[in-house]
Structure formats: structure tokens, C-alpha cells
């Protein structure tokens, strides 16, 4: 799922406003090992988990 979230963000399908500073920090510090979020090394990992879950219904590049 983190890969899907990354592809949606990189493609520019959604943008994140500057008022979501904790989410921006979380995205900048995110570390994934074998496509799994490393929560020990990621700041505000619960916020990033929420974004990943919210975007899980949207599949990138599948039609």
C-alpha cells in the first residue's frame, strides 16, 4: 500500500497544503523496507498510516 500512496502523490493527483505540516514531515522522513513502512524511523507515522489507508481505495494505474 505505501507504493500506491507514493505513486498517487508523485503523479500530482493530489496535493498537500502547507498547513498539514506534520503530514509533510512524515512523508519526508518515511522509510520503507520491502514496501512496508518502518514506523521506528518515520516521524508522525500514525498520520502517514491514515493517509495510506485513505488512499487505499484508489488504485494507481489500473485502468
PDB file of N, CA and C in Angstrom:
ATOM      1  N   UNK A   1       0.785  -1.207   0.000  1.00  0.00           N
ATOM      2  CA  UNK A   1       0.000   0.000   0.000  1.00  0.00           C
ATOM      3  C   UNK A   1       0.828   1.274   0.000  1.00  0.00           C
ATOM      4  N   UNK A   2       1.971   1.346   0.689  1.00  0.00           N
ATOM      5  CA  UNK A   2       2.747   2.584   0.624  1.00  0.00           C
ATOM      6  C   UNK A   2       3.162   2.942  -0.797  1.00  0.00           C
ATOM      7  N   UNK A   3       3.399   1.941  -1.638  1.00  0.00           N
ATOM      8  CA  UNK A   3       3.782   2.207  -3.024  1.00  0.00           C
ATOM      9  C   UNK A   3       2.669   2.894  -3.786  1.00  0.00           C
ATOM     10  N   UNK A   4       1.429   2.471  -3.552  1.00  0.00           N
ATOM     11  CA  UNK A   4       0.273   3.091  -4.197  1.00  0.00           C
ATOM     12  C   UNK A   4       0.155   4.550  -3.756  1.00  0.00           C
ATOM     13  N   UNK A   5       0.314   4.804  -2.477  1.00  0.00           N
ATOM     14  CA  UNK A   5       0.258   6.166  -1.941  1.00  0.00           C
ATOM     15  C   UNK A   5       1.345   7.025  -2.575  1.00  0.00           C
ATOM     16  N   UNK A   6       2.541   6.499  -2.669  1.00  0.00           N
ATOM     17  CA  UNK A   6       3.652   7.241  -3.263  1.00  0.00           C
ATOM     18  C   UNK A   6       3.364   7.592  -4.714  1.00  0.00           C
ATOM     19  N   UNK A   7       2.853   6.631  -5.481  1.00  0.00           N
ATOM     20  CA  UNK A   7       2.581   6.877  -6.895  1.00  0.00           C
ATOM     21  C   UNK A   7       1.500   7.942  -7.078  1.00  0.00           C
ATOM     22  N   UNK A   8       0.493   7.933  -6.235  1.00  0.00           N
ATOM     23  CA  UNK A   8      -0.566   8.941  -6.311  1.00  0.00           C
ATOM     24  C   UNK A   8       0.003  10.323  -6.011  1.00  0.00           C
ATOM     25  N   UNK A   9       0.856  10.424  -4.993  1.00  0.00           N
ATOM     26  CA  UNK A   9       1.448  11.715  -4.639  1.00  0.00           C
ATOM     27  C   UNK A   9       2.421  12.205  -5.705  1.00  0.00           C
ATOM     28  N   UNK A  10       3.283  11.324  -6.193  1.00  0.00           N
ATOM     29  CA  UNK A  10       4.290  11.702  -7.189  1.00  0.00           C
ATOM     30  C   UNK A  10       3.635  12.134  -8.496  1.00  0.00           C
ATOM     31  N   UNK A  11       2.524  11.511  -8.844  1.00  0.00           N
ATOM     32  CA  UNK A  11       1.850  11.832 -10.105  1.00  0.00           C
ATOM     33  C   UNK A  11       1.154  13.189 -10.061  1.00  0.00           C
ATOM     34  N   UNK A  12       0.981  13.751  -8.876  1.00  0.00           N
ATOM     35  CA  UNK A  12       0.326  15.045  -8.757  1.00  0.00           C
ATOM     36  C   UNK A  12      -1.193  14.963  -8.732  1.00  0.00           C
ATOM     37  N   UNK A  13      -1.742  13.762  -8.547  1.00  0.00           N
ATOM     38  CA  UNK A  13      -3.197  13.615  -8.492  1.00  0.00           C
ATOM     39  C   UNK A  13      -3.795  14.319  -7.281  1.00  0.00           C
ATOM     40  N   UNK A  14      -3.031  14.401  -6.202  1.00  0.00           N
ATOM     41  CA  UNK A  14      -3.454  15.166  -5.033  1.00  0.00           C
ATOM     42  C   UNK A  14      -2.281  16.022  -4.575  1.00  0.00           C
ATOM     43  N   UNK A  15      -2.596  17.082  -3.891  1.00  0.00           N
ATOM     44  CA  UNK A  15      -1.563  17.921  -3.290  1.00  0.00           C
ATOM     45  C   UNK A  15      -1.870  18.062  -1.799  1.00  0.00           C
ATOM     46  N   UNK A  16      -0.855  18.402  -1.050  1.00  0.00           N
ATOM     47  CA  UNK A  16      -0.998  18.561   0.397  1.00  0.00           C
ATOM     48  C   UNK A  16      -0.645  19.999   0.739  1.00  0.00           C
ATOM     49  N   UNK A  17      -1.583  20.673   1.350  1.00  0.00           N
ATOM     50  CA  UNK A  17      -1.385  22.072   1.717  1.00  0.00           C
ATOM     51  C   UNK A  17      -0.363  22.235   2.826  1.00  0.00           C
ATOM     52  N   UNK A  18       0.262  23.411   2.893  1.00  0.00           N
ATOM     53  CA  UNK A  18       1.313  23.653   3.891  1.00  0.00           C
ATOM     54  C   UNK A  18       0.819  23.623   5.336  1.00  0.00           C
ATOM     55  N   UNK A  19      -0.480  23.735   5.550  1.00  0.00           N
ATOM     56  CA  UNK A  19      -0.992  23.688   6.924  1.00  0.00           C
ATOM     57  C   UNK A  19      -0.924  22.279   7.515  1.00  0.00           C
ATOM     58  N   UNK A  20      -0.708  21.277   6.669  1.00  0.00           N
ATOM     59  CA  UNK A  20      -0.574  19.894   7.131  1.00  0.00           C
ATOM     60  C   UNK A  20       0.901  19.582   7.376  1.00  0.00           C
ATOM     61  N   UNK A  21       1.513  20.367   8.250  1.00  0.00           N
ATOM     62  CA  UNK A  21       2.956  20.283   8.457  1.00  0.00           C
ATOM     63  C   UNK A  21       3.412  18.929   9.007  1.00  0.00           C
ATOM     64  N   UNK A  22       2.638  18.312   9.876  1.00  0.00           N
ATOM     65  CA  UNK A  22       3.039  17.002  10.415  1.00  0.00           C
ATOM     66  C   UNK A  22       2.996  15.927   9.336  1.00  0.00           C
ATOM     67  N   UNK A  23       2.022  16.006   8.443  1.00  0.00           N
ATOM     68  CA  UNK A  23       1.953  15.050   7.343  1.00  0.00           C
ATOM     69  C   UNK A  23       3.136  15.237   6.403  1.00  0.00           C
ATOM     70  N   UNK A  24       3.501  16.472   6.136  1.00  0.00           N
ATOM     71  CA  UNK A  24       4.644  16.753   5.264  1.00  0.00           C
ATOM     72  C   UNK A  24       5.929  16.214   5.884  1.00  0.00           C
ATOM     73  N   UNK A  25       6.113  16.428   7.193  1.00  0.00           N
ATOM     74  CA  UNK A  25       7.289  15.889   7.885  1.00  0.00           C
ATOM     75  C   UNK A  25       7.276  14.367   7.821  1.00  0.00           C
ATOM     76  N   UNK A  26       6.118  13.771   8.017  1.00  0.00           N
ATOM     77  CA  UNK A  26       6.004  12.318   7.966  1.00  0.00           C
ATOM     78  C   UNK A  26       6.389  11.778   6.597  1.00  0.00           C
ATOM     79  N   UNK A  27       5.934  12.429   5.543  1.00  0.00           N
ATOM     80  CA  UNK A  27       6.274  11.992   4.188  1.00  0.00           C
ATOM     81  C   UNK A  27       7.766  12.150   3.905  1.00  0.00           C
ATOM     82  N   UNK A  28       8.350  13.210   4.417  1.00  0.00           N
ATOM     83  CA  UNK A  28       9.781  13.448   4.175  1.00  0.00           C
ATOM     84  C   UNK A  28      10.670  12.484   4.945  1.00  0.00           C
ATOM     85  N   UNK A  29      10.190  11.994   6.078  1.00  0.00           N
ATOM     86  CA  UNK A  29      11.013  11.099   6.895  1.00  0.00           C
ATOM     87  C   UNK A  29      10.648   9.631   6.714  1.00  0.00           C
ATOM     88  N   UNK A  30       9.688   9.350   5.857  1.00  0.00           N
ATOM     89  CA  UNK A  30       9.210   7.971   5.679  1.00  0.00           C
ATOM     90  C   UNK A  30      10.314   7.060   5.161  1.00  0.00           C
ATOM     91  N   UNK A  31      10.407   5.899   5.788  1.00  0.00           N
ATOM     92  CA  UNK A  31      11.358   4.868   5.378  1.00  0.00           C
ATOM     93  C   UNK A  31      10.566   3.578   5.198  1.00  0.00           C
ATOM     94  N   UNK A  32      10.737   2.949   4.047  1.00  0.00           N
ATOM     95  CA  UNK A  32      10.050   1.681   3.781  1.00  0.00           C
ATOM     96  C   UNK A  32      11.080   0.595   3.535  1.00  0.00           C
ATOM     97  N   UNK A  33      10.840  -0.555   4.122  1.00  0.00           N
ATOM     98  CA  UNK A  33      11.665  -1.740   3.902  1.00  0.00           C
ATOM     99  C   UNK A  33      10.773  -2.811   3.298  1.00  0.00           C
ATOM    100  N   UNK A  34      11.111  -3.245   2.096  1.00  0.00           N
ATOM    101  CA  UNK A  34      10.326  -4.248   1.376  1.00  0.00           C
ATOM    102  C   UNK A  34       8.860  -3.835   1.288  1.00  0.00           C
ATOM    103  N   UNK A  35       8.624  -2.575   0.925  1.00  0.00           N
ATOM    104  CA  UNK A  35       7.295  -1.991   0.743  1.00  0.00           C
ATOM    105  C   UNK A  35       6.455  -1.963   2.019  1.00  0.00           C
ATOM    106  N   UNK A  36       7.111  -1.980   3.156  1.00  0.00           N
ATOM    107  CA  UNK A  36       6.421  -1.835   4.439  1.00  0.00           C
ATOM    108  C   UNK A  36       7.005  -0.628   5.148  1.00  0.00           C
ATOM    109  N   UNK A  37       6.142   0.202   5.705  1.00  0.00           N
ATOM    110  CA  UNK A  37       6.565   1.401   6.401  1.00  0.00           C
ATOM    111  C   UNK A  37       7.327   1.033   7.670  1.00  0.00           C
ATOM    112  N   UNK A  38       8.531   1.577   7.812  1.00  0.00           N
ATOM    113  CA  UNK A  38       9.326   1.373   9.023  1.00  0.00           C
ATOM    114  C   UNK A  38       8.905   2.442  10.028  1.00  0.00           C
ATOM    115  N   UNK A  39       8.068   2.071  10.964  1.00  0.00           N
ATOM    116  CA  UNK A  39       7.489   3.033  11.896  1.00  0.00           C
ATOM    117  C   UNK A  39       8.497   3.546  12.921  1.00  0.00           C
ATOM    118  N   UNK A  40       9.576   2.823  13.134  1.00  0.00           N
ATOM    119  CA  UNK A  40      10.604   3.276  14.069  1.00  0.00           C
ATOM    120  C   UNK A  40      11.360   4.484  13.520  1.00  0.00           C
ATOM    121  N   UNK A  41      11.518   4.552  12.208  1.00  0.00           N
ATOM    122  CA  UNK A  41      12.317   5.606  11.588  1.00  0.00           C
ATOM    123  C   UNK A  41      11.481   6.731  10.984  1.00  0.00           C
ATOM    124  N   UNK A  42      10.160   6.618  11.029  1.00  0.00           N
ATOM    125  CA  UNK A  42       9.276   7.598  10.409  1.00  0.00           C
ATOM    126  C   UNK A  42       8.622   8.466  11.470  1.00  0.00           C
ATOM    127  N   UNK A  43       8.760   9.781  11.342  1.00  0.00           N
ATOM    128  CA  UNK A  43       8.105  10.704  12.268  1.00  0.00           C
ATOM    129  C   UNK A  43       6.616  10.771  11.967  1.00  0.00           C
ATOM    130  N   UNK A  44       5.801  10.923  13.006  1.00  0.00           N
ATOM    131  CA  UNK A  44       4.346  11.033  12.869  1.00  0.00           C
ATOM    132  C   UNK A  44       3.784   9.897  12.015  1.00  0.00           C
ATOM    133  N   UNK A  45       4.212   8.671  12.289  1.00  0.00           N
ATOM    134  CA  UNK A  45       3.820   7.534  11.449  1.00  0.00           C
ATOM    135  C   UNK A  45       2.317   7.266  11.462  1.00  0.00           C
ATOM    136  N   UNK A  46       1.610   7.637  12.529  1.00  0.00           N
ATOM    137  CA  UNK A  46       0.160   7.433  12.556  1.00  0.00           C
ATOM    138  C   UNK A  46      -0.545   8.305  11.521  1.00  0.00           C
ATOM    139  N   UNK A  47      -0.030   9.507  11.321  1.00  0.00           N
ATOM    140  CA  UNK A  47      -0.616  10.405  10.323  1.00  0.00           C
ATOM    141  C   UNK A  47      -0.399   9.839   8.927  1.00  0.00           C
ATOM    142  N   UNK A  48       0.788   9.325   8.674  1.00  0.00           N
ATOM    143  CA  UNK A  48       1.066   8.725   7.369  1.00  0.00           C
ATOM    144  C   UNK A  48       0.235   7.461   7.171  1.00  0.00           C
ATOM    145  N   UNK A  49       0.061   6.670   8.212  1.00  0.00           N
ATOM    146  CA  UNK A  49      -0.808   5.490   8.129  1.00  0.00           C
ATOM    147  C   UNK A  49      -2.228   5.890   7.726  1.00  0.00           C
ATOM    148  N   UNK A  50      -2.702   7.002   8.268  1.00  0.00           N
ATOM    149  CA  UNK A  50      -4.045   7.479   7.929  1.00  0.00           C
ATOM    150  C   UNK A  50      -4.149   7.853   6.461  1.00  0.00           C
ATOM    151  N   UNK A  51      -3.126   8.511   5.926  1.00  0.00           N
ATOM    152  CA  UNK A  51      -3.127   8.864   4.504  1.00  0.00           C
ATOM    153  C   UNK A  51      -3.109   7.608   3.641  1.00  0.00           C
ATOM    154  N   UNK A  52      -2.258   6.660   3.993  1.00  0.00           N
ATOM    155  CA  UNK A  52      -2.172   5.407   3.226  1.00  0.00           C
ATOM    156  C   UNK A  52      -3.521   4.688   3.235  1.00  0.00           C
ATOM    157  N   UNK A  53      -4.177   4.647   4.387  1.00  0.00           N
ATOM    158  CA  UNK A  53      -5.481   3.999   4.479  1.00  0.00           C
ATOM    159  C   UNK A  53      -6.529   4.751   3.657  1.00  0.00           C
ATOM    160  N   UNK A  54      -6.509   6.081   3.720  1.00  0.00           N
ATOM    161  CA  UNK A  54      -7.475   6.877   2.959  1.00  0.00           C
ATOM    162  C   UNK A  54      -7.307   6.677   1.457  1.00  0.00           C
ATOM    163  N   UNK A  55      -6.069   6.492   1.007  1.00  0.00           N
ATOM    164  CA  UNK A  55      -5.810   6.324  -0.424  1.00  0.00           C
ATOM    165  C   UNK A  55      -5.901   4.872  -0.881  1.00  0.00           C
ATOM    166  N   UNK A  56      -6.127   3.957   0.041  1.00  0.00           N
ATOM    167  CA  UNK A  56      -6.138   2.538  -0.331  1.00  0.00           C
ATOM    168  C   UNK A  56      -7.283   2.178  -1.279  1.00  0.00           C
ATOM    169  N   UNK A  57      -8.343   2.961  -1.298  1.00  0.00           N
ATOM    170  CA  UNK A  57      -9.464   2.704  -2.207  1.00  0.00           C
ATOM    171  C   UNK A  57      -9.169   3.147  -3.635  1.00  0.00           C
ATOM    172  N   UNK A  58      -8.149   3.958  -3.813  1.00  0.00           N
ATOM    173  CA  UNK A  58      -7.802   4.486  -5.128  1.00  0.00           C
ATOM    174  C   UNK A  58      -6.587   3.747  -5.666  1.00  0.00           C
ATOM    175  N   UNK A  59      -6.753   3.054  -6.750  1.00  0.00           N
ATOM    176  CA  UNK A  59      -5.658   2.295  -7.346  1.00  0.00           C
ATOM    177  C   UNK A  59      -5.006   3.112  -8.450  1.00  0.00           C
ATOM    178  N   UNK A  60      -3.710   3.218  -8.410  1.00  0.00           N
ATOM    179  CA  UNK A  60      -2.966   3.987  -9.404  1.00  0.00           C
ATOM    180  C   UNK A  60      -2.630   3.101 -10.590  1.00  0.00           C
ATOM    181  N   UNK A  61      -2.989   3.561 -11.777  1.00  0.00           N
ATOM    182  CA  UNK A  61      -2.575   2.890 -12.999  1.00  0.00           C
ATOM    183  C   UNK A  61      -3.306   1.613 -13.351  1.00  0.00           C
ATOM    184  N   UNK A  62      -4.437   1.369 -12.742  1.00  0.00           N
ATOM    185  CA  UNK A  62      -5.189   0.146 -13.056  1.00  0.00           C
ATOM    186  C   UNK A  62      -6.455   0.465 -13.850  1.00  0.00           C
ATOM    187  N   UNK A  63      -6.325   1.219 -14.899  1.00  0.00           N
ATOM    188  CA  UNK A  63      -7.478   1.478 -15.739  1.00  0.00           C
ATOM    189  C   UNK A  63      -7.836   2.886 -15.742  1.00  0.00           C
TER     190      UNK A  63
END
